[in-house]
Amino acid sequence: MKRTAAYRCVSRDSPGRKVLVVCFSCTYKKQHEEYPLQSVTERQVIVLEIVRVENLSKTYGKGEARVAALKNVSFSMERGQFGAVVGASGSGKSTLLNCVGGLDRADAGKVFISGRDLFGMDENERTVFRRQNIGFIFQSFHLIQELNVEQNIVFPLLLDYRKPERERVEEILEVLGLENRRKHLPGQLSGGQQQRVAIGRALIMRPALVLADEPTGNLDSRNSQDVMDLLCSAARHYQQTVLMITHNRDLASSADRVFQVTDGVVCELGGEGR
C-alpha cells in the first residue's frame, strides 16, 4: 500500500551511528518533521552520520624530535556534506585525512565510518572496508599507465570481484566529460583529465565517504574549479560525504563546512548549509 507522507525521527541505534528512521507510526510525530517522500511503503533506516572522529591524537618521533601532529581532534559529518580542511604546510592536514581514511593509525581516539569503528577491525577487514566504503583522490593521480580511462575507473570494482554496471560507468563518464576519452591512456590526457579519471575511480564503488588530498594542487585555476565543481556535484547528486584538503581558501569557500588545522588542533571556521 502506498503512503504519501512519513515522519523522520533522528536517533542513535548503536554506538557511533546516527540514523534517520522513516516511519508512519511514530509516537512523537508531532515533534518531528514530515519526510518528503511521495511513495514509502515500509519503515526505513538511513545512516545520517557518515564520519565521527573522537579525541583523535597522533604523534611522530621521540624526545626533543617529538611532534604532535593531531591533538585531541573531534568532529562529525553527515551524509552529503562537503568539508574542506585548510591550514599551513605541516599543520597536520594530511595526517588527519590519513587517519580518517584508515591509511595511518592514531595513537589515541576513534574513527567511525557509517557507524563502524575503523580501528576496531583487524588489518584485512579494514582494507576491505576501506575499499568498499571510502574513495581516495590524491594530488598525484596514481593512475595505472597501462590501462585506459574506463579501465582505470572500474579497477576498484575488479579488485572487489564485482562486475561493473554499464549504466553506472556511462553515467560517471558523462558527468566527468570523458565519454570521448574512454579508450585513451593516461599519457594521452591533460592533467585536468587525469584528475577527472581519479575522481571517477573514487566514485565508482559508491563510497559513503570521499577523501581528497590537495586534488587541485597540480592543476591550473580553471581545472581546479572544474575539479571542485565535480566534488561538490558528488556530494549533492550522489549524497556522498566529501572531506578535502586544500591550500586554496577561495575553493574552500564553496564547501559546506571549513575546518582549520593549526599545529594539530582542529577548529571549524564555516557553518553548515552555505
Protein backbone atom coordinates (compact mmCIF):
# COMPACT_ATOMS: atom_id res chain seq x y z
CA MET A 1 0.00 0.00 0.00
CA LYS A 2 1.37 3.41 -0.95
CA ARG A 3 1.86 6.13 1.59
CA THR A 4 2.26 9.80 0.74
CA ALA A 5 3.90 11.02 3.93
CA ALA A 6 6.15 9.76 6.66
CA TYR A 7 7.96 11.23 9.64
CA ARG A 8 11.66 11.43 10.28
CA CYS A 9 12.94 10.67 13.74
CA VAL A 10 16.65 11.18 14.33
CA SER A 11 18.15 8.86 16.92
CA ARG A 12 21.14 6.66 17.64
CA ASP A 13 20.59 2.96 17.22
CA SER A 14 24.12 1.89 18.20
CA PRO A 15 27.36 3.49 19.38
CA GLY A 16 28.81 5.60 16.59
CA ARG A 17 25.76 5.53 14.30
CA LYS A 18 23.29 8.36 13.95
CA VAL A 19 20.30 7.29 11.89
CA LEU A 20 17.22 8.71 10.28
CA VAL A 21 14.21 6.50 10.94
CA VAL A 22 11.44 7.00 8.40
CA CYS A 23 8.18 5.60 9.70
CA PHE A 24 4.40 6.06 9.83
CA SER A 25 3.59 5.24 13.42
CA CYS A 26 5.95 7.43 15.42
CA THR A 27 4.58 8.19 18.88
CA TYR A 28 6.29 11.57 18.74
CA LYS A 29 5.37 12.53 15.19
CA LYS A 30 4.01 15.90 16.28
CA GLN A 31 7.57 16.80 17.28
CA HIS A 32 9.12 15.57 14.06
CA GLU A 33 9.35 16.98 10.59
CA GLU A 34 7.31 15.48 7.78
CA TYR A 35 9.59 13.49 5.49
CA PRO A 36 9.01 14.50 1.84
CA LEU A 37 8.62 11.11 0.21
CA GLN A 38 5.99 10.54 -2.45
CA SER A 39 5.80 6.79 -2.02
CA VAL A 40 7.10 4.97 1.03
CA THR A 41 5.73 1.55 1.83
CA GLU A 42 7.66 0.50 4.91
CA ARG A 43 9.85 1.65 7.76
CA GLN A 44 13.29 2.70 6.53
CA VAL A 45 16.54 3.36 8.37
CA ILE A 46 19.06 5.69 6.74
CA VAL A 47 22.52 6.30 8.22
CA LEU A 48 22.95 10.05 8.65
CA GLU A 49 26.29 10.37 10.40
CA ILE A 50 28.94 9.14 7.98
CA VAL A 51 32.06 10.28 9.85
CA ARG A 52 32.61 10.63 13.57
CA VAL A 53 36.05 11.37 14.97
CA GLU A 54 36.52 11.15 18.74
CA ASN A 55 39.54 12.54 20.62
CA LEU A 56 42.00 11.65 17.86
CA SER A 57 45.68 12.14 18.69
CA LYS A 58 48.81 11.31 16.71
CA THR A 59 52.49 11.97 17.39
CA TYR A 60 55.67 11.36 15.42
CA GLY A 61 59.20 11.00 16.75
CA LYS A 62 60.53 10.80 20.29
CA GLY A 63 62.14 13.09 22.83
CA GLU A 64 63.04 16.53 21.51
CA ALA A 65 62.07 15.43 18.00
CA ARG A 66 58.56 14.53 19.10
CA VAL A 67 55.85 16.29 17.08
CA ALA A 68 52.14 16.24 17.94
CA ALA A 69 50.51 16.03 14.51
CA LEU A 70 46.96 15.77 15.90
CA LYS A 71 45.78 16.87 19.33
CA ASN A 72 42.51 15.52 20.70
CA VAL A 73 40.54 16.08 17.48
CA SER A 74 36.76 15.54 17.47
CA PHE A 75 34.15 16.30 14.82
CA SER A 76 31.42 14.60 12.79
CA MET A 77 29.98 14.89 9.28
CA GLU A 78 26.64 13.81 7.91
CA ARG A 79 25.63 12.27 4.60
CA GLY A 80 26.04 14.60 1.62
CA GLN A 81 28.14 17.22 3.41
CA PHE A 82 31.21 18.75 1.76
CA GLY A 83 34.02 19.65 4.15
CA ALA A 84 37.26 21.48 3.36
CA VAL A 85 40.36 21.29 5.54
CA VAL A 86 42.75 24.24 5.42
CA GLY A 87 45.98 25.04 7.22
CA ALA A 88 49.65 25.74 6.78
CA SER A 89 52.06 23.15 5.46
CA GLY A 90 52.95 20.71 8.24
CA SER A 91 49.94 21.65 10.36
CA GLY A 92 48.55 18.09 10.38
CA LYS A 93 46.05 18.20 7.49
CA SER A 94 47.31 15.11 5.66
CA THR A 95 47.74 13.21 8.93
CA LEU A 96 44.10 13.93 9.73
CA LEU A 97 42.93 12.68 6.34
CA ASN A 98 45.11 9.56 6.53
CA CYS A 99 43.77 8.68 9.99
CA VAL A 100 40.13 9.28 8.97
CA GLY A 101 40.71 7.04 5.95
CA GLY A 102 42.47 4.31 7.92
CA LEU A 103 45.74 4.72 5.99
CA ASP A 104 47.51 5.71 9.21
CA ARG A 105 46.76 4.65 12.76
CA ALA A 106 46.23 7.20 15.50
CA ASP A 107 47.87 6.87 18.92
CA ALA A 108 44.57 7.55 20.68
CA GLY A 109 40.92 8.16 19.84
CA LYS A 110 38.42 6.56 17.49
CA VAL A 111 37.14 6.98 13.95
CA PHE A 112 33.67 5.73 12.99
CA ILE A 113 32.68 5.44 9.31
CA SER A 114 28.95 4.76 8.83
CA GLY A 115 28.87 3.56 12.41
CA ARG A 116 31.77 1.11 12.07
CA ASP A 117 34.80 1.50 14.33
CA LEU A 118 37.60 1.74 11.79
CA PHE A 119 40.37 0.75 14.17
CA GLY A 120 38.30 -1.90 15.88
CA MET A 121 38.83 -4.04 12.77
CA ASP A 122 41.84 -6.20 12.00
CA GLU A 123 44.08 -5.14 9.11
CA ASN A 124 42.45 -7.36 6.48
CA GLU A 125 38.92 -6.36 7.46
CA ARG A 126 39.88 -2.69 7.48
CA THR A 127 41.44 -2.98 4.00
CA VAL A 128 38.24 -4.47 2.55
CA PHE A 129 36.03 -1.98 4.39
CA ARG A 130 38.16 0.92 3.18
CA ARG A 131 37.99 -0.26 -0.43
CA GLN A 132 34.21 -0.62 -0.31
CA ASN A 133 33.32 2.47 1.69
CA ILE A 134 35.99 5.15 1.20
CA GLY A 135 37.11 6.74 -2.06
CA PHE A 136 40.54 8.39 -2.19
CA ILE A 137 41.67 11.21 -4.50
CA PHE A 138 45.29 12.33 -4.31
CA GLN A 139 47.27 15.26 -5.67
CA SER A 140 49.27 12.80 -7.76
CA PHE A 141 46.73 10.97 -9.85
CA HIS A 142 48.11 7.43 -9.27
CA LEU A 143 46.57 6.09 -12.46
CA ILE A 144 47.74 2.79 -13.96
CA GLN A 145 49.57 3.87 -17.10
CA GLU A 146 48.87 0.62 -18.99
CA LEU A 147 45.08 0.93 -18.51
CA ASN A 148 42.80 3.26 -20.44
CA VAL A 149 40.36 5.72 -18.87
CA GLU A 150 37.46 3.31 -18.50
CA GLN A 151 39.68 0.52 -17.17
CA ASN A 152 41.24 2.83 -14.57
CA ILE A 153 37.80 3.91 -13.36
CA VAL A 154 36.42 0.37 -12.92
CA PHE A 155 39.64 -1.06 -11.46
CA PRO A 156 38.46 -0.87 -7.79
CA LEU A 157 35.38 -2.92 -8.71
CA LEU A 158 37.55 -5.62 -10.25
CA LEU A 159 39.70 -5.73 -7.11
CA ASP A 160 36.50 -6.40 -5.19
CA TYR A 161 35.46 -9.15 -7.67
CA ARG A 162 32.45 -7.12 -8.78
CA LYS A 163 31.16 -6.71 -12.31
CA PRO A 164 30.91 -3.05 -13.39
CA GLU A 165 27.37 -1.81 -14.01
CA ARG A 166 27.34 -0.42 -17.53
CA GLU A 167 24.83 2.32 -16.70
CA ARG A 168 26.90 3.44 -13.72
CA VAL A 169 30.10 3.56 -15.79
CA GLU A 170 28.39 5.54 -18.55
CA GLU A 171 26.91 7.97 -16.05
CA ILE A 172 30.31 8.67 -14.47
CA LEU A 173 31.99 9.09 -17.86
CA GLU A 174 29.27 11.55 -18.85
CA VAL A 175 29.40 13.52 -15.59
CA LEU A 176 33.19 13.77 -15.86
CA GLY A 177 33.08 14.71 -19.54
CA LEU A 178 35.23 11.72 -20.50
CA GLU A 179 32.92 9.89 -22.92
CA ASN A 180 35.21 10.66 -25.86
CA ARG A 181 38.36 9.78 -23.88
CA ARG A 182 37.31 6.38 -22.55
CA LYS A 183 39.92 4.47 -24.60
CA HIS A 184 42.75 6.96 -24.04
CA LEU A 185 45.73 6.04 -21.87
CA PRO A 186 46.70 8.40 -19.02
CA GLY A 187 49.71 9.63 -21.00
CA GLN A 188 47.33 10.89 -23.68
CA LEU A 189 45.37 13.07 -21.24
CA SER A 190 45.87 16.52 -19.78
CA GLY A 191 46.40 16.94 -16.02
CA GLY A 192 42.80 18.01 -15.55
CA GLN A 193 41.52 15.00 -17.45
CA GLN A 194 43.71 12.64 -15.42
CA GLN A 195 42.31 14.09 -12.21
CA ARG A 196 38.79 13.53 -13.56
CA VAL A 197 39.66 9.87 -14.07
CA ALA A 198 40.93 9.71 -10.48
CA ILE A 199 37.62 11.17 -9.29
CA GLY A 200 35.69 8.60 -11.34
CA ARG A 201 37.76 5.82 -9.80
CA ALA A 202 36.92 7.16 -6.31
CA LEU A 203 33.19 7.34 -7.08
CA ILE A 204 32.66 4.02 -8.89
CA MET A 205 32.31 1.98 -5.67
CA ARG A 206 29.57 4.34 -4.43
CA PRO A 207 31.56 5.06 -1.25
CA ALA A 208 29.89 6.74 1.69
CA LEU A 209 32.98 8.93 2.11
CA VAL A 210 35.34 10.55 -0.39
CA LEU A 211 38.69 11.83 0.90
CA ALA A 212 40.62 14.21 -1.35
CA ASP A 213 44.19 15.29 -0.51
CA GLU A 214 45.03 18.51 -2.42
CA PRO A 215 43.22 17.24 -5.56
CA THR A 216 43.81 20.56 -7.34
CA GLY A 217 47.43 21.02 -6.31
CA ASN A 218 48.85 20.14 -9.74
CA LEU A 219 46.17 21.95 -11.77
CA ASP A 220 45.70 25.46 -13.12
CA SER A 221 42.90 27.68 -11.81
CA ARG A 222 40.36 26.67 -14.46
CA ASN A 223 40.86 22.92 -13.95
CA SER A 224 40.95 23.45 -10.19
CA GLN A 225 37.49 24.97 -10.24
CA ASP A 226 36.25 22.17 -12.52
CA VAL A 227 37.51 19.56 -10.04
CA MET A 228 35.90 21.44 -7.16
CA ASP A 229 32.59 21.57 -9.04
CA LEU A 230 32.76 17.82 -9.67
CA LEU A 231 33.38 17.07 -5.99
CA CYS A 232 30.52 19.36 -4.97
CA SER A 233 28.34 17.54 -7.51
CA ALA A 234 29.27 14.18 -5.95
CA ALA A 235 28.23 15.43 -2.53
CA ARG A 236 24.93 16.83 -3.79
CA HIS A 237 23.90 14.40 -6.53
CA TYR A 238 25.16 11.13 -5.04
CA GLN A 239 24.71 12.16 -1.39
CA GLN A 240 28.30 11.29 -0.64
CA THR A 241 30.25 12.92 2.15
CA VAL A 242 33.42 14.64 0.91
CA LEU A 243 36.36 15.79 3.03
CA MET A 244 39.02 17.67 1.06
CA ILE A 245 42.37 19.19 1.95
CA THR A 246 43.16 22.38 0.09
CA HIS A 247 45.54 25.32 0.43
CA ASN A 248 43.20 27.43 -1.71
CA ARG A 249 40.77 29.31 0.55
CA ASP A 250 38.77 30.52 -2.44
CA LEU A 251 37.99 26.89 -3.31
CA ALA A 252 37.32 26.09 0.34
CA SER A 253 34.68 28.80 0.46
CA SER A 254 32.45 26.61 -1.73
CA ALA A 255 32.32 23.88 0.93
CA ASP A 256 29.51 23.40 3.44
CA ARG A 257 31.99 23.33 6.31
CA VAL A 258 35.56 24.54 6.66
CA PHE A 259 37.99 23.09 9.20
CA GLN A 260 41.20 24.90 10.14
CA VAL A 261 44.17 22.79 11.32
CA THR A 262 46.80 24.66 13.35
CA ASP A 263 49.64 22.71 14.97
CA GLY A 264 47.47 19.61 15.21
CA VAL A 265 44.42 21.38 16.63
CA VAL A 266 41.24 21.34 14.50
CA CYS A 267 38.56 24.01 14.75
CA GLU A 268 35.60 24.71 12.47
CA LEU A 269 35.56 28.04 10.68
CA GLY A 270 32.49 27.70 8.46
CA GLY A 271 28.95 26.78 9.37
CA GLU A 272 26.70 24.30 7.65
CA GLY A 273 24.28 25.00 4.87
CA ARG A 274 26.15 27.68 2.99
